[in-house]
Every structure is written in C-alpha cells, then in structure tokens.
Protein backbone atom coordinates (compact mmCIF):
# COMPACT_ATOMS: atom_id res chain seq x y z
CA MET A 1 5.82 -11.41 13.40
CA SER A 2 9.44 -10.82 14.20
CA THR A 3 11.38 -8.51 11.76
CA ALA A 4 12.26 -11.93 9.60
CA GLU A 5 9.28 -13.37 9.04
CA TRP A 6 7.92 -10.16 7.88
CA ALA A 7 10.94 -9.37 5.52
CA GLU A 8 10.03 -13.19 4.48
CA ARG A 9 6.36 -12.22 3.67
CA LEU A 10 7.62 -8.45 2.04
CA GLU A 11 10.03 -10.71 -0.38
CA VAL A 12 6.66 -12.79 -1.38
CA HIS A 13 4.60 -9.75 -2.09
CA ALA A 14 7.32 -7.96 -3.99
CA LEU A 15 7.84 -10.58 -6.22
CA ALA A 16 3.76 -10.65 -6.94
CA ALA A 17 4.02 -6.65 -7.41
CA LYS A 18 6.65 -7.31 -9.86
CA GLU A 19 4.87 -9.85 -12.05
CA THR A 20 2.09 -8.02 -11.78
CA PHE A 21 3.54 -4.79 -12.56
CA THR A 22 5.56 -6.95 -15.90
CA GLN A 23 2.00 -8.41 -17.36
CA MET A 24 -0.02 -4.93 -16.67
CA LEU A 25 2.89 -3.06 -18.66
CA ALA A 26 2.82 -5.81 -21.37
CA ASP A 27 -0.61 -5.23 -21.47
CA GLN A 28 -0.91 -2.19 -21.81
CA GLY A 29 -3.00 -1.58 -18.51
CA GLN A 30 -2.88 0.88 -15.39
CA PHE A 31 -1.32 -0.28 -12.38
CA ALA A 32 -3.94 -0.58 -9.69
CA PRO A 33 -2.66 0.18 -5.48
CA MET A 34 -3.26 -3.19 -3.22
CA VAL A 35 -4.45 -2.93 0.32
CA ILE A 36 -4.20 -6.15 3.03
CA ALA A 37 -5.51 -6.45 6.00
CA PHE A 38 -4.06 -9.15 8.08
CA ARG A 39 -5.02 -10.87 11.93
CA GLN A 40 -1.89 -12.16 12.98
CA GLU A 41 -0.72 -14.13 10.28
CA THR A 42 -3.37 -14.50 8.63
CA MET A 43 -5.01 -12.67 5.31
CA ILE A 44 -8.29 -11.22 5.78
CA CYS A 45 -9.49 -8.69 3.26
CA MET A 46 -7.84 -7.50 0.21
CA ALA A 47 -8.98 -4.64 -1.63
CA VAL A 48 -8.16 -2.09 -4.74
CA PRO A 49 -8.56 1.55 -4.07
CA GLY A 50 -11.11 3.34 -6.53
CA ALA A 51 -8.41 5.74 -6.99
CA GLY A 52 -4.75 5.81 -7.12
CA ASP A 53 -3.68 8.88 -4.77
CA GLY A 54 -2.43 8.62 -1.79
CA ARG A 55 -5.60 10.12 0.26
CA VAL A 56 -7.72 7.47 -1.16
CA VAL A 57 -5.59 4.59 -0.68
CA ALA A 58 -4.55 5.77 3.12
CA ALA A 59 -8.18 6.08 3.68
CA THR A 60 -9.07 2.72 2.53
CA ALA A 61 -5.69 0.97 4.52
CA ARG A 62 -7.29 3.32 7.91
CA LEU A 63 -11.06 1.80 7.32
CA MET A 64 -9.01 -1.64 6.77
CA ALA A 65 -7.22 -1.47 9.79
CA SER A 66 -10.12 0.15 11.84
CA GLY A 67 -13.05 -2.08 10.43
CA PHE A 68 -11.05 -5.44 10.19
CA HIS A 69 -9.38 -4.94 14.16
CA ALA A 70 -6.17 -5.64 12.02
CA ASP A 71 -3.06 -6.66 13.52
CA SER A 72 -1.00 -4.93 10.29
CA VAL A 73 -1.38 -3.53 7.09
CA MET A 74 -0.13 -3.94 3.89
CA VAL A 75 0.23 -1.71 1.18
CA THR A 76 1.30 -1.53 -2.31
CA SER A 77 1.84 1.17 -4.69
CA ASP A 78 3.65 3.01 -7.30
CA THR A 79 5.89 5.97 -6.40
CA TYR A 80 8.80 7.79 -6.38
CA GLY A 81 12.39 7.28 -5.19
CA ALA A 82 15.75 10.02 -5.26
CA ASN A 83 18.70 9.15 -6.81
CA GLN A 84 20.18 11.89 -4.90
CA LEU A 85 20.38 13.48 -0.87
CA ASP A 86 19.07 16.59 -2.48
CA ASN A 87 16.29 17.69 -4.55
CA PRO A 88 18.76 19.63 -8.00
CA LEU A 89 15.38 22.48 -8.24
CA THR A 90 15.44 23.72 -4.31
CA GLY A 91 19.26 22.68 -2.84
CA ARG A 92 17.51 21.27 -0.03
CA ARG A 93 16.39 17.70 1.50
CA TRP A 94 13.53 15.80 -0.38
CA ARG A 95 9.49 17.10 0.60
CA ALA A 96 6.37 15.20 0.27
CA GLY A 97 5.18 15.20 -3.31
CA GLU A 98 8.91 17.40 -5.08
CA MET A 99 9.93 13.64 -6.63
CA GLU A 100 6.10 13.69 -8.34
CA ASP A 101 6.58 17.16 -9.31
CA VAL A 102 10.27 16.96 -10.90
CA ALA A 103 9.47 13.31 -12.26
CA LEU A 104 6.64 15.01 -14.40
CA ASN A 105 7.27 19.00 -14.96
CA HIS A 106 10.87 19.04 -14.94
CA ASP A 107 12.12 15.11 -17.21
CA GLY A 108 13.65 14.33 -13.50
CA ILE A 109 13.56 10.19 -14.79
CA ALA A 110 15.35 11.60 -17.70
CA GLN A 111 17.62 13.12 -16.00
CA GLY A 112 18.81 10.66 -13.04
CA TRP A 113 17.31 12.81 -10.36
CA VAL A 114 15.01 10.57 -9.42
CA HIS A 115 13.49 6.93 -10.57
CA GLU A 116 9.57 5.08 -11.07
CA ALA A 117 9.41 2.27 -8.23
CA LEU A 118 7.00 0.03 -6.74
CA ILE A 119 6.90 0.44 -2.78
CA VAL A 120 5.31 -2.73 -1.00
CA ASN A 121 4.99 -1.56 2.85
CA VAL A 122 4.07 -2.77 5.89
CA ILE A 123 2.56 -1.07 9.12
CA ALA A 124 1.87 -2.76 12.11
CA ARG A 125 -0.50 -1.30 15.09
CA GLU A 126 3.02 -1.50 17.58
CA GLY A 127 4.09 1.23 15.35
CA ARG A 128 6.45 -0.70 13.35
CA GLN A 129 7.28 -0.22 9.59
CA LEU A 130 9.13 -2.20 6.82
CA LEU A 131 9.13 -1.53 3.40
CA ARG A 132 10.09 -3.12 -0.12
CA MET A 133 11.80 -0.40 -2.48
CA LEU A 134 11.43 -1.66 -5.87
CA PRO A 135 12.80 0.63 -8.47
CA TYR A 136 12.03 0.41 -12.32
CA LEU A 137 12.91 2.17 -15.36
CA ARG A 138 10.34 1.43 -18.61
CA GLY A 139 11.20 0.27 -21.89
CA SER A 140 10.01 3.18 -24.85
CA ASP A 141 8.13 1.42 -26.35
CA GLY A 142 5.61 1.95 -23.02
CA THR A 143 5.31 -2.08 -22.70
CA SER A 144 8.19 -3.79 -21.01
CA VAL A 145 9.95 -2.19 -17.73
CA THR A 146 13.81 -3.10 -16.66
CA TRP A 147 13.95 -3.94 -12.52
CA LEU A 148 16.74 -2.18 -11.32
CA ASP A 149 19.60 -2.32 -8.24
CA GLU A 150 17.57 -1.38 -5.01
CA GLY A 151 20.91 -0.27 -3.88
CA LEU A 152 20.72 2.62 -1.45
CA ASP A 153 20.51 1.09 1.93
CA ALA A 154 17.47 1.46 3.79
CA ASP A 155 19.12 2.80 7.13
CA THR A 156 20.46 5.69 5.46
CA ASP A 157 18.56 8.91 5.78
CA TRP A 158 17.94 9.66 2.40
CA GLN A 159 16.56 6.87 1.41
CA MET A 160 13.36 8.79 0.68
CA VAL A 161 10.27 7.32 -1.39
CA ASP A 162 7.55 10.19 -2.09
CA THR A 163 5.06 8.34 -0.51
CA ASP A 164 2.09 10.16 1.24
CA THR A 165 2.48 11.05 5.22
CA ARG A 166 -1.32 9.72 5.96
CA PHE A 167 0.37 6.76 5.74
CA GLY A 168 1.94 7.25 8.77
CA THR A 169 -1.76 7.23 10.56
CA ILE A 170 -3.12 4.12 8.91
CA MET A 171 -2.86 2.21 11.88
CA THR A 172 -3.63 4.89 15.09
CA ALA A 173 -7.64 4.85 13.79
CA PRO A 174 -9.85 3.23 16.98
CA LEU A 175 -11.10 -0.06 16.15
CA MET A 176 -14.40 0.15 14.45
CA PRO A 177 -17.15 -0.90 17.07
CA ASP A 178 -19.16 -4.29 16.08
CA PRO A 179 -22.13 -3.98 14.86
CA PRO A 180 -25.39 -3.57 17.63
CA MET A 181 -26.96 -6.39 19.17
CA HIS A 182 -30.57 -5.44 18.08
CA VAL A 183 -29.65 -5.97 14.59
CA LEU A 184 -28.98 -9.75 14.83
CA GLY A 185 -30.46 -10.14 18.23
CA ARG A 186 -27.27 -11.60 19.27
CA LYS A 187 -23.81 -10.04 19.44
CA PRO A 188 -22.52 -10.95 16.16
CA THR A 189 -19.50 -13.83 14.96
CA ARG A 190 -16.24 -11.96 13.50
CA GLY A 191 -16.89 -13.26 9.81
CA GLU A 192 -20.35 -10.88 10.13
CA THR A 193 -18.62 -8.16 10.98
CA ASP A 194 -16.22 -8.63 8.40
CA LEU A 195 -18.66 -9.26 6.08
CA THR A 196 -20.17 -6.54 7.09
CA VAL A 197 -16.96 -4.37 6.59
CA ALA A 198 -16.12 -5.45 3.26
CA LYS A 199 -19.39 -4.58 1.98
CA LEU A 200 -17.96 -0.56 3.18
CA LEU A 201 -15.60 -0.95 1.54
CA ALA A 202 -17.34 -1.80 -1.59
CA ASP A 203 -19.66 1.20 -1.00
CA PRO A 204 -19.58 3.26 -3.40
CA ASP A 205 -20.41 6.36 -1.33
CA ILE A 206 -18.24 4.49 1.82
CA GLY A 207 -15.47 2.76 0.44
CA GLY A 208 -15.59 3.07 -3.38
CA CYS A 209 -13.57 0.15 -3.66
CA ALA A 210 -12.92 -1.58 -7.62
CA GLN A 211 -12.40 -4.60 -6.16
CA VAL A 212 -13.44 -6.24 -2.88
CA MET A 213 -12.11 -10.07 -1.63
CA LEU A 214 -13.02 -11.23 1.55
CA LEU A 215 -10.73 -14.19 2.56
CA ARG A 216 -12.03 -15.33 5.67
CA THR A 217 -15.78 -15.64 6.70
CA ASP A 218 -15.86 -17.97 8.83
CA SER A 219 -18.70 -17.57 10.88
CA SER A 220 -17.68 -19.40 13.96
CA ASP A 221 -14.59 -16.71 14.53
CA ASN A 222 -15.15 -14.55 17.42
C-alpha cells in the first residue's frame, strides 16, 4: 500500500479508537490495546493482549506478524506524549519510560509537561512505520474526555511518544513455518495455518490474549 493509502486507513482506525475510548470512559471501563495483522490490504486477525504493558503488546504483535505471515501490523495502545523538548526533571531529551514516570509520580499532566494519548501505529514488513497520535484530557469526573489538537509536526525531532522500543522489532521476527505435513498428511491451507496461530494466541500458556478474532478463514487460501 502507498503512504497515502495507509494514512487514510490510519484515519479510519483513529476515529474508531476515539469512539471506543470515549465509550469506555462513559462506561467506567478500562481501555485495552488492540493488534491487527494484515496480508496486503486484507485484515486477517484482530487480538486484544491479555495485559496492556509494552512487553506483552509487542510480544503479541510479533507472534501475529510471524504466524500470519503478515505484511503489516497495526497496534493501538495508550501512551504519553511530551509537551516540551526536554524532561523538566533531568534537563535532557526524553528517554523511554520517563514520560510515564513524570505523569504518574510527579503530577506531570497537571504541570503541563506531558499529556495522555492514544497512539495508532502501523509497522510494515519493508520497514516503514506510520503513526497517529491522539492526545486527550480526561474530565474531572473520570467519565468524559476532551480530544486535543494533535499539535506538533510529526517531522520534528522531538515529537516523542512513550512507546516500548521492542515495537521496532515486531516485523523482524522470522516467519513461522507451516505445520508439518504429517499432521494432516498434506500441506495445510493458509486458512488452516491461520486457525492454528489464532489458537496459539488464545492459549493462556502461549499468547494469553483476552480476545482473538480471526477475520479470514478461507480454507482454499494458500
């Protein structure tokens, strides 16, 4: 897909993420990260990791990229973004994990140093990445949200978000081999392999995902 086509797709998912998050707050629920695997332009599987920390989300995305032979993976998660060039506590450029620390332990949101945000990030196998940053402010009652201006130009060198660095390795995992022929007595179809991967994602001892939705199971798809 071209960059323009991905940008259009990101816009659609960004709108859906905003609607989901707004409804979640109204229902006093908790936002869950979401990972979607694509082959070319087709959405193959959608999964909700069992925990929201970066390590688990990245591991889920890596398994999906490898197991589904995905051409790209989209990750929607909750994060923090910076309102200024340097970390005010260190006087240096922000480092991984510092925005979350400032927000949670130093009243950084009220101080205006950082903001909460959803991030929709797509990582393609050829190495390209695109993202949409969706800054927000929670209402004082905790059940409403105001979406803020996305603000800073994404090309500036300090447009940073507090994402896990392991996301950069999602598409570098080797492709998972198809199940051995002796299991079925023949080469499995792509759909059968996809179903096997979906079961691995849902297995509490392997993927541990809270929800897995296999969106394409055409048994003739090789």
